[in-house]
């Protein structure tokens, strides 16, 4: 069999899935047969959780059962906070998150049972505890008081509350929930591929997600939302942001928040939803500076490079106006993507084949007999 080399695995089909598909031609992100953009405008994050785990949008009763199930898992072992306390000052929030997920594996008494039933139970445990791990690993690492989950709040409202220490307004809750929907699943990015590769060895769900956190920490995959926000804050004004982007382009500096490996010459459809959300927040708060700065930056990049915003570009100022710490933007991304990752690992375990690619060897070949001369 002739082997071909594809750098970065471009154009290589690595798995069959019923979960999601990026239909670039039709400009749709297909989730279990539905358009993610339409889902984000009509359904909440828990609906997407049920859709990805069980294959259908939930009835009112099923959504209530799901909410109750997750609430039962809001609390995590207290020993995790002791572990966070032992991490050195300056530990990155993604490293705290990775440590928490890895440690959680030790509390699963049936960790070697990879049946669908047990994996779904683990998915609930991970999803329920994810806001706690994301928020409180960061809090402990920054010398702040731990915030206990509030079971009276919805999943998204509790997630927001644990991070900020205050309950969101209806608009804030709706927009934060919508952002979780948009980040929930996106076919086969690096972190999802990493999770499936790990799962293909028959490793457990916690191990697969731990590897996915490590992947998402890399600045070529996650972290763009943080980088965008730091640029906006440094620029301060619309004119300053335009000048900053043009200067970066002139010096061939990579600008985060623009372009996408799959969408290429199109705007990420999720970015448009967050752009609209940013406008709503600006109206509510009476300050539209960030909206106009982002619009100006978008225009510069399209005109100068033909590059369009991806989700992170507009999610960054949305999260900033929601009062979320910049260091938590990527952990929140991972928190919402947890459902997609769990669904992929379950699918991998249910129809497994070990990933074992080959290499294109470009090194030298030597004859040991030459050394004896």
Protein backbone atom coordinates (compact mmCIF):
# COMPACT_ATOMS: atom_id res chain seq x y z
CA UNK A 1 0.00 0.00 0.00
CA UNK A 2 1.42 3.38 -1.02
CA UNK A 3 1.61 5.83 1.85
CA UNK A 4 1.18 9.57 1.35
CA UNK A 5 2.42 12.41 3.54
CA UNK A 6 0.05 15.23 4.50
CA UNK A 7 1.67 17.89 6.77
CA UNK A 8 -0.58 18.61 9.72
CA UNK A 9 -2.85 15.81 8.44
CA UNK A 10 -4.50 18.33 6.10
CA UNK A 11 -7.26 16.66 4.13
CA UNK A 12 -6.95 13.39 6.04
CA UNK A 13 -10.17 11.78 7.28
CA UNK A 14 -9.26 10.43 10.73
CA UNK A 15 -12.61 9.15 12.00
CA UNK A 16 -16.23 8.45 11.19
CA UNK A 17 -18.65 10.28 13.47
CA UNK A 18 -22.34 10.97 13.93
CA UNK A 19 -21.62 13.93 16.20
CA UNK A 20 -20.67 16.93 14.08
CA UNK A 21 -19.44 18.15 10.71
CA UNK A 22 -18.15 21.47 9.38
CA UNK A 23 -20.05 21.99 6.14
CA UNK A 24 -17.94 24.79 4.70
CA UNK A 25 -19.79 24.82 1.37
CA UNK A 26 -23.19 25.10 3.04
CA UNK A 27 -21.82 27.40 5.79
CA UNK A 28 -23.18 25.17 8.52
CA UNK A 29 -21.78 23.59 11.67
CA UNK A 30 -23.80 20.39 11.80
CA UNK A 31 -24.46 18.96 15.27
CA UNK A 32 -26.28 15.61 15.18
CA UNK A 33 -27.99 16.79 11.98
CA UNK A 34 -28.88 20.29 13.22
CA UNK A 35 -27.29 23.66 12.39
CA UNK A 36 -25.39 24.87 15.47
CA UNK A 37 -26.16 28.51 14.70
CA UNK A 38 -29.90 27.82 14.66
CA UNK A 39 -29.55 25.76 17.83
CA UNK A 40 -27.75 28.64 19.57
CA UNK A 41 -30.66 30.96 18.81
CA UNK A 42 -33.42 28.62 20.02
CA UNK A 43 -31.95 26.20 22.56
CA UNK A 44 -29.82 26.36 25.69
CA UNK A 45 -26.58 24.60 26.59
CA UNK A 46 -28.30 21.73 28.42
CA UNK A 47 -30.31 20.96 25.29
CA UNK A 48 -27.03 20.60 23.39
CA UNK A 49 -25.63 18.40 26.17
CA UNK A 50 -28.58 16.04 25.80
CA UNK A 51 -28.37 16.16 22.01
CA UNK A 52 -24.68 15.22 21.96
CA UNK A 53 -24.90 12.54 24.66
CA UNK A 54 -28.21 10.95 23.71
CA UNK A 55 -28.77 11.88 20.07
CA UNK A 56 -31.95 13.94 20.44
CA UNK A 57 -33.10 17.30 21.73
CA UNK A 58 -34.66 16.78 25.16
CA UNK A 59 -38.27 17.04 26.18
CA UNK A 60 -39.05 19.39 29.07
CA UNK A 61 -38.95 16.41 31.44
CA UNK A 62 -35.64 15.14 30.06
CA UNK A 63 -34.07 18.58 30.39
CA UNK A 64 -35.24 18.81 34.01
CA UNK A 65 -33.77 15.36 34.73
CA UNK A 66 -30.49 16.40 33.12
CA UNK A 67 -30.36 19.61 35.17
CA UNK A 68 -30.98 17.61 38.38
CA UNK A 69 -28.30 15.09 37.42
CA UNK A 70 -25.72 17.81 36.86
CA UNK A 71 -26.66 19.60 40.08
CA UNK A 72 -25.95 16.37 41.98
CA UNK A 73 -22.40 16.61 40.61
CA UNK A 74 -21.81 20.34 41.25
CA UNK A 75 -19.60 19.52 44.25
CA UNK A 76 -16.17 17.95 43.77
CA UNK A 77 -13.92 16.17 46.31
CA UNK A 78 -12.51 18.69 48.79
CA UNK A 79 -9.07 17.14 48.35
CA UNK A 80 -8.90 18.81 44.94
CA UNK A 81 -8.67 22.20 46.64
CA UNK A 82 -5.75 20.92 48.73
CA UNK A 83 -4.03 19.85 45.53
CA UNK A 84 -4.59 23.30 44.00
CA UNK A 85 -3.05 24.83 47.14
CA UNK A 86 0.10 22.79 46.59
CA UNK A 87 0.63 24.14 43.08
CA UNK A 88 3.25 26.91 42.86
CA UNK A 89 2.32 30.57 42.51
CA UNK A 90 1.97 31.60 38.90
CA UNK A 91 0.58 28.25 37.75
CA UNK A 92 -1.44 28.81 34.57
CA UNK A 93 -5.20 28.45 34.92
CA UNK A 94 -5.20 25.73 32.25
CA UNK A 95 -2.63 23.77 34.26
CA UNK A 96 -4.84 24.03 37.33
CA UNK A 97 -7.77 22.76 35.27
CA UNK A 98 -5.71 19.91 33.83
CA UNK A 99 -4.55 18.88 37.30
CA UNK A 100 -8.10 18.91 38.65
CA UNK A 101 -9.47 16.69 35.87
CA UNK A 102 -6.58 14.26 36.21
CA UNK A 103 -7.00 14.04 40.00
CA UNK A 104 -10.73 13.41 39.63
CA UNK A 105 -9.95 10.05 38.00
CA UNK A 106 -8.77 8.66 41.34
CA UNK A 107 -12.30 8.98 42.76
CA UNK A 108 -13.89 6.79 40.09
CA UNK A 109 -14.20 3.27 41.50
CA UNK A 110 -15.18 1.83 38.10
CA UNK A 111 -12.58 3.61 36.01
CA UNK A 112 -11.74 0.52 33.94
CA UNK A 113 -15.35 0.03 32.87
CA UNK A 114 -15.57 1.78 29.50
CA UNK A 115 -19.19 0.85 28.75
CA UNK A 116 -21.44 3.53 27.30
CA UNK A 117 -23.50 3.58 30.48
CA UNK A 118 -20.49 4.23 32.73
CA UNK A 119 -19.03 6.77 30.32
CA UNK A 120 -22.29 8.73 30.24
CA UNK A 121 -22.27 8.71 34.06
CA UNK A 122 -18.70 10.05 33.95
CA UNK A 123 -19.74 12.72 31.46
CA UNK A 124 -22.39 13.93 33.91
CA UNK A 125 -19.82 13.92 36.72
CA UNK A 126 -17.33 15.91 34.66
CA UNK A 127 -19.90 18.37 33.33
CA UNK A 128 -21.44 18.93 36.74
CA UNK A 129 -18.08 19.52 38.40
CA UNK A 130 -16.47 21.49 35.58
CA UNK A 131 -17.67 24.96 36.73
CA UNK A 132 -16.34 24.15 40.21
CA UNK A 133 -12.94 23.03 38.91
CA UNK A 134 -12.60 25.92 36.43
CA UNK A 135 -13.62 28.62 38.90
CA UNK A 136 -12.10 27.37 42.13
CA UNK A 137 -8.77 26.12 40.77
CA UNK A 138 -8.30 29.71 39.54
CA UNK A 139 -9.51 31.16 42.83
CA UNK A 140 -7.22 29.01 44.96
CA UNK A 141 -4.23 29.69 42.70
CA UNK A 142 -4.89 33.43 43.11
CA UNK A 143 -5.41 33.39 46.86
CA UNK A 144 -9.16 33.97 46.66
CA UNK A 145 -11.95 32.37 48.66
CA UNK A 146 -13.58 29.25 47.24
CA UNK A 147 -17.14 29.84 45.99
CA UNK A 148 -19.61 27.03 46.65
CA UNK A 149 -22.02 26.11 43.86
CA UNK A 150 -25.61 27.35 44.06
CA UNK A 151 -28.02 24.53 43.17
CA UNK A 152 -30.87 27.04 42.90
CA UNK A 153 -29.31 28.46 39.73
CA UNK A 154 -29.36 27.01 36.23
CA UNK A 155 -26.19 25.30 35.00
CA UNK A 156 -24.93 28.34 33.09
CA UNK A 157 -25.96 30.83 35.77
CA UNK A 158 -24.14 28.75 38.40
CA UNK A 159 -21.04 28.56 36.17
CA UNK A 160 -21.08 32.35 35.86
CA UNK A 161 -21.75 32.82 39.58
CA UNK A 162 -18.86 30.59 40.65
CA UNK A 163 -16.45 32.60 38.50
CA UNK A 164 -17.64 36.12 39.35
CA UNK A 165 -19.23 35.66 42.78
CA UNK A 166 -22.45 37.32 41.65
CA UNK A 167 -25.63 36.14 39.96
CA UNK A 168 -25.96 37.19 36.32
CA UNK A 169 -28.71 39.39 34.93
CA UNK A 170 -31.11 37.64 32.52
CA UNK A 171 -29.21 39.10 29.53
CA UNK A 172 -25.83 38.07 30.97
CA UNK A 173 -27.05 34.55 31.68
CA UNK A 174 -28.52 34.22 28.19
CA UNK A 175 -25.39 35.42 26.43
CA UNK A 176 -23.05 33.33 28.59
CA UNK A 177 -25.20 30.26 27.94
CA UNK A 178 -25.19 31.01 24.22
CA UNK A 179 -21.40 31.20 24.24
CA UNK A 180 -21.27 27.75 25.85
CA UNK A 181 -23.48 26.43 23.06
CA UNK A 182 -21.20 27.90 20.39
CA UNK A 183 -18.07 26.43 21.99
CA UNK A 184 -19.70 23.05 22.76
CA UNK A 185 -18.61 21.02 19.71
CA UNK A 186 -16.69 21.68 16.51
CA UNK A 187 -15.87 18.44 14.71
CA UNK A 188 -12.15 17.49 14.90
CA UNK A 189 -9.88 20.28 16.15
CA UNK A 190 -6.57 19.34 17.72
CA UNK A 191 -7.91 18.85 21.25
CA UNK A 192 -10.73 16.57 20.10
CA UNK A 193 -8.30 14.57 17.96
CA UNK A 194 -5.94 14.31 20.95
CA UNK A 195 -8.80 13.02 23.11
CA UNK A 196 -9.79 10.41 20.53
CA UNK A 197 -6.19 9.27 20.03
CA UNK A 198 -5.82 8.77 23.80
CA UNK A 199 -9.21 7.05 24.02
CA UNK A 200 -8.25 4.71 21.18
CA UNK A 201 -5.69 3.07 23.48
CA UNK A 202 -8.62 2.17 25.78
CA UNK A 203 -7.53 4.87 28.20
CA UNK A 204 -10.26 6.38 30.38
CA UNK A 205 -12.36 9.50 29.86
CA UNK A 206 -10.42 11.55 32.43
CA UNK A 207 -7.11 10.76 30.72
CA UNK A 208 -8.52 11.69 27.33
CA UNK A 209 -9.79 15.03 28.63
CA UNK A 210 -6.53 15.71 30.47
CA UNK A 211 -4.71 15.36 27.14
CA UNK A 212 -7.30 17.62 25.50
CA UNK A 213 -6.62 20.36 28.08
CA UNK A 214 -2.91 20.18 27.28
CA UNK A 215 -3.71 20.50 23.59
CA UNK A 216 -6.07 23.43 24.06
CA UNK A 217 -3.49 25.28 26.15
CA UNK A 218 -1.27 25.68 23.08
CA UNK A 219 -1.64 29.15 21.56
CA UNK A 220 -2.25 27.77 18.06
CA UNK A 221 -5.46 26.18 19.31
CA UNK A 222 -6.74 27.83 22.49
CA UNK A 223 -5.81 31.14 24.05
CA UNK A 224 -6.80 33.31 21.08
CA UNK A 225 -9.65 34.86 23.04
CA UNK A 226 -7.22 35.94 25.76
CA UNK A 227 -4.76 37.34 23.20
CA UNK A 228 -7.51 39.33 21.48
CA UNK A 229 -8.60 40.92 24.74
CA UNK A 230 -5.06 41.90 25.69
CA UNK A 231 -4.66 43.57 22.28
CA UNK A 232 -7.89 45.52 22.71
CA UNK A 233 -6.89 46.69 26.17
CA UNK A 234 -3.43 47.72 24.99
CA UNK A 235 -4.81 49.63 22.00
CA UNK A 236 -7.42 51.51 24.10
CA UNK A 237 -9.08 53.26 21.12
CA UNK A 238 -10.44 52.37 17.69
CA UNK A 239 -7.66 54.31 15.99
CA UNK A 240 -5.07 52.70 18.22
CA UNK A 241 -6.37 49.23 17.42
CA UNK A 242 -6.35 49.88 13.67
CA UNK A 243 -2.75 51.14 13.89
CA UNK A 244 -1.72 48.16 16.04
CA UNK A 245 -3.11 45.63 13.57
CA UNK A 246 -1.52 47.34 10.57
CA UNK A 247 1.82 47.46 12.36
CA UNK A 248 1.62 43.76 13.21
CA UNK A 249 0.79 42.94 9.61
CA UNK A 250 3.70 45.05 8.40
CA UNK A 251 6.05 43.14 10.69
CA UNK A 252 4.48 39.77 9.78
CA UNK A 253 3.30 39.12 13.34
CA UNK A 254 0.55 36.51 13.66
CA UNK A 255 -2.70 38.14 14.82
CA UNK A 256 -4.92 35.97 16.97
CA UNK A 257 -8.68 35.89 16.47
CA UNK A 258 -8.61 35.86 12.67
CA UNK A 259 -8.63 33.05 10.16
CA UNK A 260 -9.49 29.40 10.67
CA UNK A 261 -7.93 26.17 9.42
CA UNK A 262 -11.30 25.03 8.02
CA UNK A 263 -13.29 28.20 7.21
CA UNK A 264 -10.35 29.83 5.43
CA UNK A 265 -11.87 32.75 3.45
CA UNK A 266 -15.18 32.90 5.31
CA UNK A 267 -16.24 34.39 8.62
CA UNK A 268 -16.73 31.83 11.36
CA UNK A 269 -20.56 31.78 11.64
CA UNK A 270 -20.25 31.55 15.43
CA UNK A 271 -18.39 34.87 15.44
CA UNK A 272 -21.42 36.65 13.99
CA UNK A 273 -23.58 35.42 16.88
CA UNK A 274 -21.08 36.72 19.44
CA UNK A 275 -20.81 40.00 17.51
CA UNK A 276 -24.55 40.47 17.94
CA UNK A 277 -24.25 39.53 21.63
CA UNK A 278 -21.52 42.14 22.10
CA UNK A 279 -23.80 44.79 20.64
CA UNK A 280 -26.57 43.86 23.09
CA UNK A 281 -24.18 44.06 26.05
CA UNK A 282 -22.91 47.43 24.86
CA UNK A 283 -26.47 48.74 24.74
CA UNK A 284 -27.25 47.44 28.22
CA UNK A 285 -24.07 48.88 29.71
CA UNK A 286 -24.14 52.13 27.74
CA UNK A 287 -20.60 51.73 26.40
CA UNK A 288 -20.05 50.74 22.76
CA UNK A 289 -16.31 51.36 22.49
CA UNK A 290 -15.33 47.69 22.31
CA UNK A 291 -17.94 47.00 19.65
CA UNK A 292 -16.64 49.76 17.37
CA UNK A 293 -13.01 48.77 18.03
CA UNK A 294 -13.75 45.19 16.99
CA UNK A 295 -15.66 46.28 13.89
CA UNK A 296 -12.74 48.48 12.88
CA UNK A 297 -10.28 45.65 13.43
CA UNK A 298 -12.43 43.28 11.42
CA UNK A 299 -12.45 45.73 8.51
CA UNK A 300 -8.66 46.13 8.59
CA UNK A 301 -8.03 42.38 8.49
CA UNK A 302 -10.51 41.72 5.68
CA UNK A 303 -9.16 44.56 3.53
CA UNK A 304 -5.46 43.94 4.23
CA UNK A 305 -5.30 40.14 4.40
CA UNK A 306 -8.67 38.72 3.40
CA UNK A 307 -8.94 37.17 6.86
CA UNK A 308 -12.20 37.01 8.78
CA UNK A 309 -12.93 36.81 12.52
CA UNK A 310 -13.23 33.46 14.22
CA UNK A 311 -15.32 32.79 17.33
CA UNK A 312 -12.58 33.91 19.74
CA UNK A 313 -12.38 37.40 18.24
CA UNK A 314 -15.85 38.43 19.41
CA UNK A 315 -16.11 36.05 22.36
CA UNK A 316 -13.22 37.92 24.02
CA UNK A 317 -14.92 41.33 24.39
CA UNK A 318 -18.20 39.58 25.26
CA UNK A 319 -16.52 37.78 28.16
CA UNK A 320 -14.80 41.01 29.19
CA UNK A 321 -18.09 42.88 29.36
CA UNK A 322 -19.55 39.98 31.31
CA UNK A 323 -16.87 40.65 33.93
CA UNK A 324 -15.01 37.35 33.48
CA UNK A 325 -11.25 37.21 34.27
CA UNK A 326 -9.20 37.11 31.06
CA UNK A 327 -7.11 34.19 32.38
CA UNK A 328 -10.28 32.08 32.47
CA UNK A 329 -11.40 32.59 28.87
CA UNK A 330 -9.69 29.40 27.65
CA UNK A 331 -10.70 27.30 30.68
CA UNK A 332 -14.31 28.40 30.05
CA UNK A 333 -13.86 27.37 26.42
CA UNK A 334 -12.77 23.95 27.65
CA UNK A 335 -15.61 23.79 30.15
CA UNK A 336 -18.17 24.22 27.40
CA UNK A 337 -16.30 21.88 25.01
CA UNK A 338 -16.31 19.16 27.70
CA UNK A 339 -19.61 17.79 26.38
CA UNK A 340 -18.28 17.51 22.84
CA UNK A 341 -15.12 15.81 24.07
CA UNK A 342 -17.07 13.35 26.22
CA UNK A 343 -19.31 12.49 23.28
CA UNK A 344 -16.28 11.87 21.04
CA UNK A 345 -14.58 9.64 23.61
CA UNK A 346 -17.77 7.62 24.10
CA UNK A 347 -18.10 7.23 20.33
CA UNK A 348 -14.44 6.19 20.08
CA UNK A 349 -14.79 3.59 22.85
CA UNK A 350 -17.97 2.21 21.29
CA UNK A 351 -16.36 1.59 17.88
CA UNK A 352 -12.66 1.64 18.54
CA UNK A 353 -9.60 1.30 16.35
CA UNK A 354 -6.19 2.27 17.70
CA UNK A 355 -4.69 5.30 15.97
CA UNK A 356 -1.29 4.29 14.58
CA UNK A 357 -0.10 6.53 11.73
CA UNK A 358 3.28 6.19 10.02
CA UNK A 359 5.99 8.78 9.34
CA UNK A 360 7.78 10.21 6.35
CA UNK A 361 11.40 9.51 7.32
CA UNK A 362 13.85 12.16 6.08
CA UNK A 363 16.87 11.16 8.20
CA UNK A 364 20.04 9.43 7.12
CA UNK A 365 20.72 5.69 6.80
CA UNK A 366 24.06 4.26 8.02
CA UNK A 367 25.88 0.96 7.71
CA UNK A 368 27.50 -0.12 11.01
CA UNK A 369 30.21 -1.98 9.08
CA UNK A 370 31.58 1.38 7.95
CA UNK A 371 32.44 2.23 11.58
CA UNK A 372 34.81 -0.75 11.90
CA UNK A 373 37.04 0.40 9.07
